[in-house]
Amino acid sequence: MHIQLWLSRLFSRGHADSYVINRFRCLQAFFKWFVEDEELPTIMLGMKGPTVTEKPVPVFEDDEITKLSDQAQGKDIWDGRDLAIMLMLRDTGMRLMEISELAPDSINVVEREASVMGKARTVKYSCSATSTRARTTWRASTSPPPETCSCR
């Protein structure tokens, strides 16, 4: 009874479902140990934990994505970098940390693949991300401009 009141109070204070469930499981583990050590009946026998409600992950709307990509359409190297990062995020589902840890030798421009270290996997990205990266690199160098992407 006290445990159920405590759990409902956690919910009423605005704690996330996963937090409350974690507290419940910790309490279960404690009482399991306590019962084994002291040879007493458990007060949590048959008690069911709270259920997790699925919360949808917020995603960007189409107009928000358009505004973001419009902001990165400038002519300097930083705008090109930002656009290449946004396209890689969109195309691959990589996390920002995974993108920040990409080394130049882990990107295969010909095959349009990147080797991600976090999950030891290879991801494919779009032609637009390839051409954006090439244009950005060219702006930072003195080499001739790159050819347009022929992978379409």
N, C-alpha and C. Protein backbone atom coordinates (compact mmCIF):
# COMPACT_ATOMS: atom_id res chain seq x y z
N MET A 1 0.82 -1.19 0.00
CA MET A 1 0.00 0.00 0.00
C MET A 1 0.86 1.25 0.00
N HIS A 2 1.86 1.28 0.89
CA HIS A 2 2.73 2.45 0.95
C HIS A 2 3.54 2.62 -0.33
N ILE A 3 3.92 1.51 -0.91
CA ILE A 3 4.71 1.56 -2.14
C ILE A 3 3.87 2.14 -3.28
N GLN A 4 2.61 1.72 -3.37
CA GLN A 4 1.73 2.25 -4.41
C GLN A 4 1.49 3.75 -4.22
N LEU A 5 1.34 4.19 -2.99
CA LEU A 5 1.19 5.62 -2.73
C LEU A 5 2.45 6.39 -3.12
N TRP A 6 3.59 5.81 -2.80
CA TRP A 6 4.85 6.45 -3.14
C TRP A 6 5.01 6.57 -4.66
N LEU A 7 4.66 5.50 -5.39
CA LEU A 7 4.74 5.54 -6.85
C LEU A 7 3.78 6.57 -7.44
N SER A 8 2.57 6.63 -6.91
CA SER A 8 1.61 7.62 -7.42
C SER A 8 2.07 9.04 -7.10
N ARG A 9 2.75 9.22 -5.96
CA ARG A 9 3.28 10.55 -5.65
C ARG A 9 4.40 10.93 -6.62
N LEU A 10 5.22 9.96 -7.00
CA LEU A 10 6.25 10.24 -7.99
C LEU A 10 5.63 10.68 -9.32
N PHE A 11 4.57 9.98 -9.72
CA PHE A 11 3.87 10.36 -10.94
C PHE A 11 3.29 11.77 -10.82
N SER A 12 2.67 12.06 -9.69
CA SER A 12 2.02 13.36 -9.51
C SER A 12 3.03 14.51 -9.47
N ARG A 13 4.26 14.22 -9.10
CA ARG A 13 5.31 15.24 -9.10
C ARG A 13 5.87 15.50 -10.50
N GLY A 14 5.40 14.74 -11.46
CA GLY A 14 5.80 14.98 -12.84
C GLY A 14 7.00 14.18 -13.32
N HIS A 15 7.39 13.17 -12.56
CA HIS A 15 8.51 12.34 -13.00
C HIS A 15 8.10 11.51 -14.21
N ALA A 16 9.06 11.24 -15.07
CA ALA A 16 8.81 10.45 -16.27
C ALA A 16 8.47 9.01 -15.90
N ASP A 17 7.72 8.36 -16.77
CA ASP A 17 7.34 6.96 -16.54
C ASP A 17 8.57 6.08 -16.33
N SER A 18 9.58 6.30 -17.15
CA SER A 18 10.79 5.47 -17.05
C SER A 18 11.47 5.66 -15.70
N TYR A 19 11.45 6.86 -15.15
CA TYR A 19 12.04 7.10 -13.83
C TYR A 19 11.28 6.33 -12.75
N VAL A 20 9.95 6.40 -12.79
CA VAL A 20 9.13 5.73 -11.78
C VAL A 20 9.31 4.21 -11.88
N ILE A 21 9.35 3.68 -13.09
CA ILE A 21 9.55 2.25 -13.27
C ILE A 21 10.93 1.83 -12.75
N ASN A 22 11.92 2.66 -12.99
CA ASN A 22 13.26 2.36 -12.50
C ASN A 22 13.28 2.33 -10.96
N ARG A 23 12.60 3.26 -10.32
CA ARG A 23 12.51 3.26 -8.85
C ARG A 23 11.81 2.00 -8.36
N PHE A 24 10.75 1.58 -9.06
CA PHE A 24 10.03 0.37 -8.69
C PHE A 24 10.94 -0.85 -8.79
N ARG A 25 11.69 -0.95 -9.87
CA ARG A 25 12.58 -2.10 -10.05
C ARG A 25 13.69 -2.12 -9.00
N CYS A 26 14.20 -0.95 -8.65
CA CYS A 26 15.21 -0.89 -7.58
C CYS A 26 14.63 -1.38 -6.26
N LEU A 27 13.41 -0.98 -5.99
CA LEU A 27 12.75 -1.41 -4.75
C LEU A 27 12.52 -2.92 -4.77
N GLN A 28 12.12 -3.44 -5.93
CA GLN A 28 11.94 -4.89 -6.06
C GLN A 28 13.24 -5.63 -5.78
N ALA A 29 14.34 -5.13 -6.34
CA ALA A 29 15.63 -5.78 -6.14
C ALA A 29 16.03 -5.73 -4.67
N PHE A 30 15.77 -4.59 -4.03
CA PHE A 30 16.10 -4.48 -2.61
C PHE A 30 15.32 -5.49 -1.79
N PHE A 31 14.00 -5.56 -2.01
CA PHE A 31 13.18 -6.48 -1.22
C PHE A 31 13.50 -7.94 -1.52
N LYS A 32 13.90 -8.23 -2.76
CA LYS A 32 14.30 -9.59 -3.08
C LYS A 32 15.54 -9.97 -2.27
N TRP A 33 16.50 -9.06 -2.21
CA TRP A 33 17.70 -9.30 -1.41
C TRP A 33 17.35 -9.40 0.07
N PHE A 34 16.51 -8.50 0.54
CA PHE A 34 16.15 -8.45 1.96
C PHE A 34 15.45 -9.74 2.39
N VAL A 35 14.54 -10.23 1.57
CA VAL A 35 13.80 -11.46 1.89
C VAL A 35 14.75 -12.66 1.92
N GLU A 36 15.67 -12.72 0.95
CA GLU A 36 16.61 -13.84 0.93
C GLU A 36 17.55 -13.79 2.13
N ASP A 37 17.96 -12.60 2.52
CA ASP A 37 18.91 -12.46 3.61
C ASP A 37 18.26 -12.67 4.98
N GLU A 38 17.07 -12.15 5.15
CA GLU A 38 16.41 -12.20 6.46
C GLU A 38 15.34 -13.29 6.57
N GLU A 39 15.06 -13.97 5.46
CA GLU A 39 14.07 -15.04 5.44
C GLU A 39 12.70 -14.57 5.93
N LEU A 40 12.29 -13.45 5.40
CA LEU A 40 10.98 -12.88 5.72
C LEU A 40 10.11 -12.91 4.46
N PRO A 41 8.79 -12.88 4.64
CA PRO A 41 7.93 -12.81 3.46
C PRO A 41 8.06 -11.43 2.80
N THR A 42 7.98 -11.41 1.50
CA THR A 42 8.11 -10.15 0.78
C THR A 42 6.79 -9.39 0.73
N ILE A 43 6.86 -8.10 0.86
CA ILE A 43 5.64 -7.29 0.77
C ILE A 43 5.32 -6.93 -0.67
N MET A 44 6.24 -7.23 -1.59
CA MET A 44 6.03 -6.88 -3.00
C MET A 44 5.57 -8.07 -3.83
N LEU A 45 5.28 -9.19 -3.19
CA LEU A 45 4.85 -10.38 -3.90
C LEU A 45 3.57 -10.11 -4.67
N GLY A 46 3.60 -10.34 -5.94
CA GLY A 46 2.42 -10.14 -6.78
C GLY A 46 2.18 -8.70 -7.18
N MET A 47 2.98 -7.78 -6.71
CA MET A 47 2.79 -6.36 -7.05
C MET A 47 3.31 -6.11 -8.46
N LYS A 48 2.50 -5.49 -9.27
CA LYS A 48 2.89 -5.18 -10.64
C LYS A 48 3.35 -3.74 -10.71
N GLY A 49 4.38 -3.54 -11.49
CA GLY A 49 4.94 -2.20 -11.66
C GLY A 49 4.07 -1.35 -12.57
N PRO A 50 4.35 -0.06 -12.59
CA PRO A 50 3.61 0.83 -13.47
C PRO A 50 3.92 0.53 -14.93
N THR A 51 3.03 0.89 -15.80
CA THR A 51 3.22 0.65 -17.23
C THR A 51 3.80 1.88 -17.89
N VAL A 52 4.56 1.65 -18.91
CA VAL A 52 5.18 2.74 -19.67
C VAL A 52 4.24 3.13 -20.79
N THR A 53 3.97 4.41 -20.90
CA THR A 53 3.19 4.89 -22.03
C THR A 53 4.17 5.41 -23.07
N GLU A 54 3.97 5.00 -24.29
CA GLU A 54 4.84 5.42 -25.37
C GLU A 54 4.62 6.91 -25.66
N LYS A 55 5.71 7.65 -25.66
CA LYS A 55 5.64 9.07 -25.99
C LYS A 55 6.31 9.27 -27.33
N PRO A 56 5.59 9.86 -28.28
CA PRO A 56 6.20 10.05 -29.60
C PRO A 56 7.36 11.04 -29.52
N VAL A 57 8.41 10.73 -30.26
CA VAL A 57 9.57 11.60 -30.31
C VAL A 57 9.22 12.78 -31.22
N PRO A 58 9.46 14.01 -30.76
CA PRO A 58 9.13 15.15 -31.61
C PRO A 58 10.04 15.18 -32.84
N VAL A 59 9.46 15.45 -33.97
CA VAL A 59 10.21 15.55 -35.22
C VAL A 59 9.95 16.93 -35.84
N PHE A 60 10.86 17.33 -36.70
CA PHE A 60 10.69 18.61 -37.37
C PHE A 60 9.59 18.52 -38.41
N GLU A 61 8.82 19.58 -38.52
CA GLU A 61 7.81 19.68 -39.58
C GLU A 61 8.52 20.09 -40.87
N ASP A 62 7.84 19.91 -42.01
CA ASP A 62 8.45 20.22 -43.30
C ASP A 62 8.86 21.69 -43.41
N ASP A 63 8.01 22.59 -42.90
CA ASP A 63 8.34 24.01 -43.00
C ASP A 63 9.55 24.37 -42.12
N GLU A 64 9.71 23.68 -41.00
CA GLU A 64 10.87 23.92 -40.14
C GLU A 64 12.15 23.45 -40.82
N ILE A 65 12.08 22.31 -41.51
CA ILE A 65 13.24 21.81 -42.24
C ILE A 65 13.60 22.76 -43.37
N THR A 66 12.60 23.29 -44.05
CA THR A 66 12.84 24.24 -45.13
C THR A 66 13.52 25.49 -44.59
N LYS A 67 13.06 26.01 -43.46
CA LYS A 67 13.68 27.19 -42.86
C LYS A 67 15.13 26.92 -42.48
N LEU A 68 15.39 25.74 -41.91
CA LEU A 68 16.76 25.39 -41.54
C LEU A 68 17.67 25.31 -42.76
N SER A 69 17.20 24.63 -43.81
CA SER A 69 18.06 24.50 -44.99
C SER A 69 18.22 25.84 -45.70
N ASP A 70 17.22 26.71 -45.65
CA ASP A 70 17.36 28.05 -46.25
C ASP A 70 18.42 28.86 -45.52
N GLN A 71 18.53 28.68 -44.22
CA GLN A 71 19.55 29.39 -43.44
C GLN A 71 20.96 28.96 -43.84
N ALA A 72 21.10 27.75 -44.32
CA ALA A 72 22.43 27.22 -44.65
C ALA A 72 22.73 27.32 -46.14
N GLN A 73 22.02 28.14 -46.88
CA GLN A 73 22.24 28.26 -48.32
C GLN A 73 23.20 29.40 -48.67
N GLY A 74 23.90 29.93 -47.69
CA GLY A 74 24.83 31.04 -47.94
C GLY A 74 26.03 30.60 -48.75
N LYS A 75 26.92 31.53 -48.98
CA LYS A 75 28.07 31.27 -49.84
C LYS A 75 29.37 31.00 -49.08
N ASP A 76 29.37 31.17 -47.76
CA ASP A 76 30.64 30.95 -47.06
C ASP A 76 30.80 29.48 -46.66
N ILE A 77 31.98 29.14 -46.20
CA ILE A 77 32.31 27.74 -45.88
C ILE A 77 31.47 27.21 -44.73
N TRP A 78 31.09 28.07 -43.79
CA TRP A 78 30.33 27.62 -42.63
C TRP A 78 28.92 27.23 -43.00
N ASP A 79 28.33 27.95 -43.93
CA ASP A 79 26.98 27.59 -44.39
C ASP A 79 27.00 26.24 -45.10
N GLY A 80 28.03 26.01 -45.90
CA GLY A 80 28.16 24.72 -46.59
C GLY A 80 28.35 23.58 -45.61
N ARG A 81 29.15 23.83 -44.58
CA ARG A 81 29.36 22.81 -43.55
C ARG A 81 28.05 22.49 -42.84
N ASP A 82 27.31 23.55 -42.47
CA ASP A 82 26.04 23.34 -41.77
C ASP A 82 25.06 22.55 -42.63
N LEU A 83 25.00 22.88 -43.91
CA LEU A 83 24.09 22.17 -44.81
C LEU A 83 24.51 20.71 -44.95
N ALA A 84 25.81 20.46 -45.08
CA ALA A 84 26.29 19.07 -45.20
C ALA A 84 25.95 18.27 -43.93
N ILE A 85 26.08 18.90 -42.77
CA ILE A 85 25.74 18.22 -41.52
C ILE A 85 24.25 17.91 -41.48
N MET A 86 23.42 18.89 -41.84
CA MET A 86 21.97 18.65 -41.83
C MET A 86 21.57 17.55 -42.80
N LEU A 87 22.19 17.51 -43.97
CA LEU A 87 21.87 16.46 -44.93
C LEU A 87 22.33 15.09 -44.45
N MET A 88 23.48 15.04 -43.80
CA MET A 88 23.94 13.76 -43.24
C MET A 88 23.00 13.28 -42.14
N LEU A 89 22.55 14.20 -41.30
CA LEU A 89 21.60 13.83 -40.24
C LEU A 89 20.31 13.30 -40.86
N ARG A 90 19.82 14.00 -41.87
CA ARG A 90 18.57 13.60 -42.52
C ARG A 90 18.70 12.26 -43.23
N ASP A 91 19.79 12.07 -43.96
CA ASP A 91 19.94 10.88 -44.79
C ASP A 91 20.26 9.62 -44.00
N THR A 92 21.02 9.76 -42.94
CA THR A 92 21.57 8.57 -42.28
C THR A 92 20.95 8.25 -40.94
N GLY A 93 20.35 9.23 -40.28
CA GLY A 93 19.85 9.01 -38.93
C GLY A 93 20.96 8.97 -37.90
N MET A 94 22.14 9.43 -38.30
CA MET A 94 23.26 9.46 -37.37
C MET A 94 22.99 10.47 -36.26
N ARG A 95 23.63 10.27 -35.14
CA ARG A 95 23.56 11.22 -34.04
C ARG A 95 24.63 12.29 -34.27
N LEU A 96 24.42 13.45 -33.67
CA LEU A 96 25.36 14.55 -33.84
C LEU A 96 26.76 14.15 -33.38
N MET A 97 26.85 13.41 -32.29
CA MET A 97 28.15 12.96 -31.80
C MET A 97 28.83 12.05 -32.81
N GLU A 98 28.07 11.20 -33.48
CA GLU A 98 28.65 10.31 -34.49
C GLU A 98 29.19 11.11 -35.66
N ILE A 99 28.47 12.15 -36.06
CA ILE A 99 28.93 12.98 -37.16
C ILE A 99 30.18 13.75 -36.75
N SER A 100 30.20 14.25 -35.53
CA SER A 100 31.36 15.03 -35.09
C SER A 100 32.62 14.18 -34.98
N GLU A 101 32.46 12.88 -34.81
CA GLU A 101 33.61 11.98 -34.70
C GLU A 101 34.02 11.37 -36.04
N LEU A 102 33.36 11.76 -37.13
CA LEU A 102 33.73 11.24 -38.44
C LEU A 102 35.11 11.77 -38.83
N ALA A 103 35.97 10.88 -39.27
CA ALA A 103 37.27 11.27 -39.79
C ALA A 103 37.17 11.31 -41.31
N PRO A 104 37.98 12.14 -41.97
CA PRO A 104 37.92 12.19 -43.44
C PRO A 104 38.11 10.84 -44.11
N ASP A 105 38.94 9.97 -43.54
CA ASP A 105 39.16 8.67 -44.16
C ASP A 105 38.02 7.68 -43.90
N SER A 106 37.05 8.05 -43.06
CA SER A 106 35.91 7.16 -42.83
C SER A 106 34.75 7.47 -43.77
N ILE A 107 34.94 8.44 -44.65
CA ILE A 107 33.90 8.82 -45.61
C ILE A 107 34.34 8.39 -47.01
N ASN A 108 33.54 7.57 -47.66
CA ASN A 108 33.81 7.13 -49.02
C ASN A 108 32.86 7.89 -49.95
N VAL A 109 33.38 8.92 -50.62
CA VAL A 109 32.55 9.78 -51.45
C VAL A 109 32.06 9.04 -52.68
N VAL A 110 32.86 8.14 -53.23
CA VAL A 110 32.48 7.41 -54.43
C VAL A 110 31.28 6.51 -54.15
N GLU A 111 31.32 5.77 -53.05
CA GLU A 111 30.23 4.86 -52.69
C GLU A 111 29.13 5.54 -51.89
N ARG A 112 29.36 6.80 -51.49
CA ARG A 112 28.44 7.56 -50.65
C ARG A 112 28.16 6.81 -49.35
N GLU A 113 29.22 6.40 -48.68
CA GLU A 113 29.13 5.67 -47.42
C GLU A 113 30.00 6.34 -46.38
N ALA A 114 29.58 6.22 -45.14
CA ALA A 114 30.38 6.69 -44.02
C ALA A 114 30.43 5.59 -42.97
N SER A 115 31.61 5.35 -42.43
CA SER A 115 31.78 4.34 -41.38
C SER A 115 31.58 5.03 -40.04
N VAL A 116 30.57 4.58 -39.30
CA VAL A 116 30.23 5.18 -38.01
C VAL A 116 30.84 4.32 -36.92
N MET A 117 31.59 4.95 -36.05
CA MET A 117 32.29 4.20 -35.00
C MET A 117 31.36 3.83 -33.84
N GLY A 118 30.40 4.66 -33.51
CA GLY A 118 29.56 4.42 -32.34
C GLY A 118 28.86 3.08 -32.38
N LYS A 119 28.38 2.69 -33.55
CA LYS A 119 27.66 1.43 -33.66
C LYS A 119 28.34 0.46 -34.61
N ALA A 120 29.55 0.79 -35.00
CA ALA A 120 30.33 -0.05 -35.92
C ALA A 120 29.49 -0.44 -37.12
N ARG A 121 29.02 0.55 -37.84
CA ARG A 121 28.18 0.28 -38.99
C ARG A 121 28.54 1.24 -40.12
N THR A 122 28.08 0.94 -41.29
CA THR A 122 28.28 1.79 -42.45
C THR A 122 26.92 2.33 -42.87
N VAL A 123 26.86 3.64 -43.11
CA VAL A 123 25.60 4.26 -43.51
C VAL A 123 25.76 4.88 -44.89
N LYS A 124 24.68 4.89 -45.63
CA LYS A 124 24.65 5.52 -46.95
C LYS A 124 24.08 6.92 -46.81
N TYR A 125 24.56 7.84 -47.63
CA TYR A 125 24.01 9.19 -47.65
C TYR A 125 23.73 9.60 -49.08
N SER A 126 22.99 10.70 -49.23
CA SER A 126 22.48 11.09 -50.54
C SER A 126 23.52 11.81 -51.38
N CYS A 127 23.18 11.92 -52.63
CA CYS A 127 24.02 12.64 -53.58
C CYS A 127 24.11 14.12 -53.20
N SER A 128 23.04 14.68 -52.68
CA SER A 128 23.06 16.10 -52.31
C SER A 128 24.05 16.35 -51.17
N ALA A 129 24.16 15.41 -50.24
CA ALA A 129 25.14 15.56 -49.16
C ALA A 129 26.55 15.47 -49.72
N THR A 130 26.77 14.61 -50.73
CA THR A 130 28.08 14.47 -51.34
C THR A 130 28.49 15.75 -52.05
N SER A 131 27.60 16.28 -52.86
CA SER A 131 27.95 17.49 -53.61
C SER A 131 28.11 18.69 -52.69
N THR A 132 27.33 18.76 -51.62
CA THR A 132 27.47 19.86 -50.65
C THR A 132 28.82 19.78 -49.97
N ARG A 133 29.22 18.57 -49.58
CA ARG A 133 30.52 18.39 -48.92
C ARG A 133 31.64 18.76 -49.89
N ALA A 134 31.52 18.37 -51.15
CA ALA A 134 32.56 18.68 -52.13
C ALA A 134 32.67 20.18 -52.35
N ARG A 135 31.54 20.86 -52.47
CA ARG A 135 31.57 22.32 -52.67
C ARG A 135 32.17 23.02 -51.46
N THR A 136 31.83 22.54 -50.25
CA THR A 136 32.37 23.14 -49.03
C THR A 136 33.87 22.95 -48.96
N THR A 137 34.35 21.77 -49.29
CA THR A 137 35.78 21.50 -49.28
C THR A 137 36.49 22.36 -50.31
N TRP A 138 35.87 22.52 -51.47
CA TRP A 138 36.48 23.31 -52.53
C TRP A 138 36.61 24.77 -52.11
N ARG A 139 35.61 25.32 -51.43
CA ARG A 139 35.68 26.70 -50.98
C ARG A 139 36.84 26.93 -50.02
N ALA A 140 37.21 25.89 -49.28
CA ALA A 140 38.29 26.02 -48.30
C ALA A 140 39.66 25.75 -48.91
N SER A 141 39.71 25.35 -50.16
CA SER A 141 40.99 25.01 -50.78
C SER A 141 41.26 25.92 -51.97
N THR A 142 42.38 25.65 -52.64
CA THR A 142 42.74 26.42 -53.84
C THR A 142 42.60 25.58 -55.09
N SER A 143 42.05 24.36 -54.95
CA SER A 143 41.91 23.47 -56.09
C SER A 143 40.75 23.92 -56.98
N PRO A 144 40.69 23.40 -58.21
CA PRO A 144 39.58 23.77 -59.09
C PRO A 144 38.25 23.27 -58.53
N PRO A 145 37.13 23.89 -58.92
CA PRO A 145 35.84 23.48 -58.38
C PRO A 145 35.50 22.04 -58.74
N PRO A 146 34.76 21.34 -57.88
CA PRO A 146 34.42 19.93 -58.14
C PRO A 146 33.36 19.84 -59.23
N GLU A 147 33.34 18.66 -59.85
CA GLU A 147 32.28 18.41 -60.81
C GLU A 147 31.00 18.12 -60.07
N THR A 148 29.88 18.31 -60.75
CA THR A 148 28.61 18.03 -60.11
C THR A 148 28.46 16.54 -59.89
N CYS A 149 27.65 16.18 -58.95
CA CYS A 149 27.46 14.78 -58.58
C CYS A 149 26.80 14.03 -59.73
N SER A 150 27.36 12.89 -60.08
CA SER A 150 26.80 12.11 -61.19
C SER A 150 26.09 10.85 -60.70
N CYS A 151 25.71 10.83 -59.45
CA CYS A 151 25.13 9.61 -58.89
C CYS A 151 23.62 9.60 -58.95
N ARG A 152 23.01 10.48 -59.61
CA ARG A 152 21.54 10.52 -59.66
C ARG A 152 20.99 9.52 -60.61
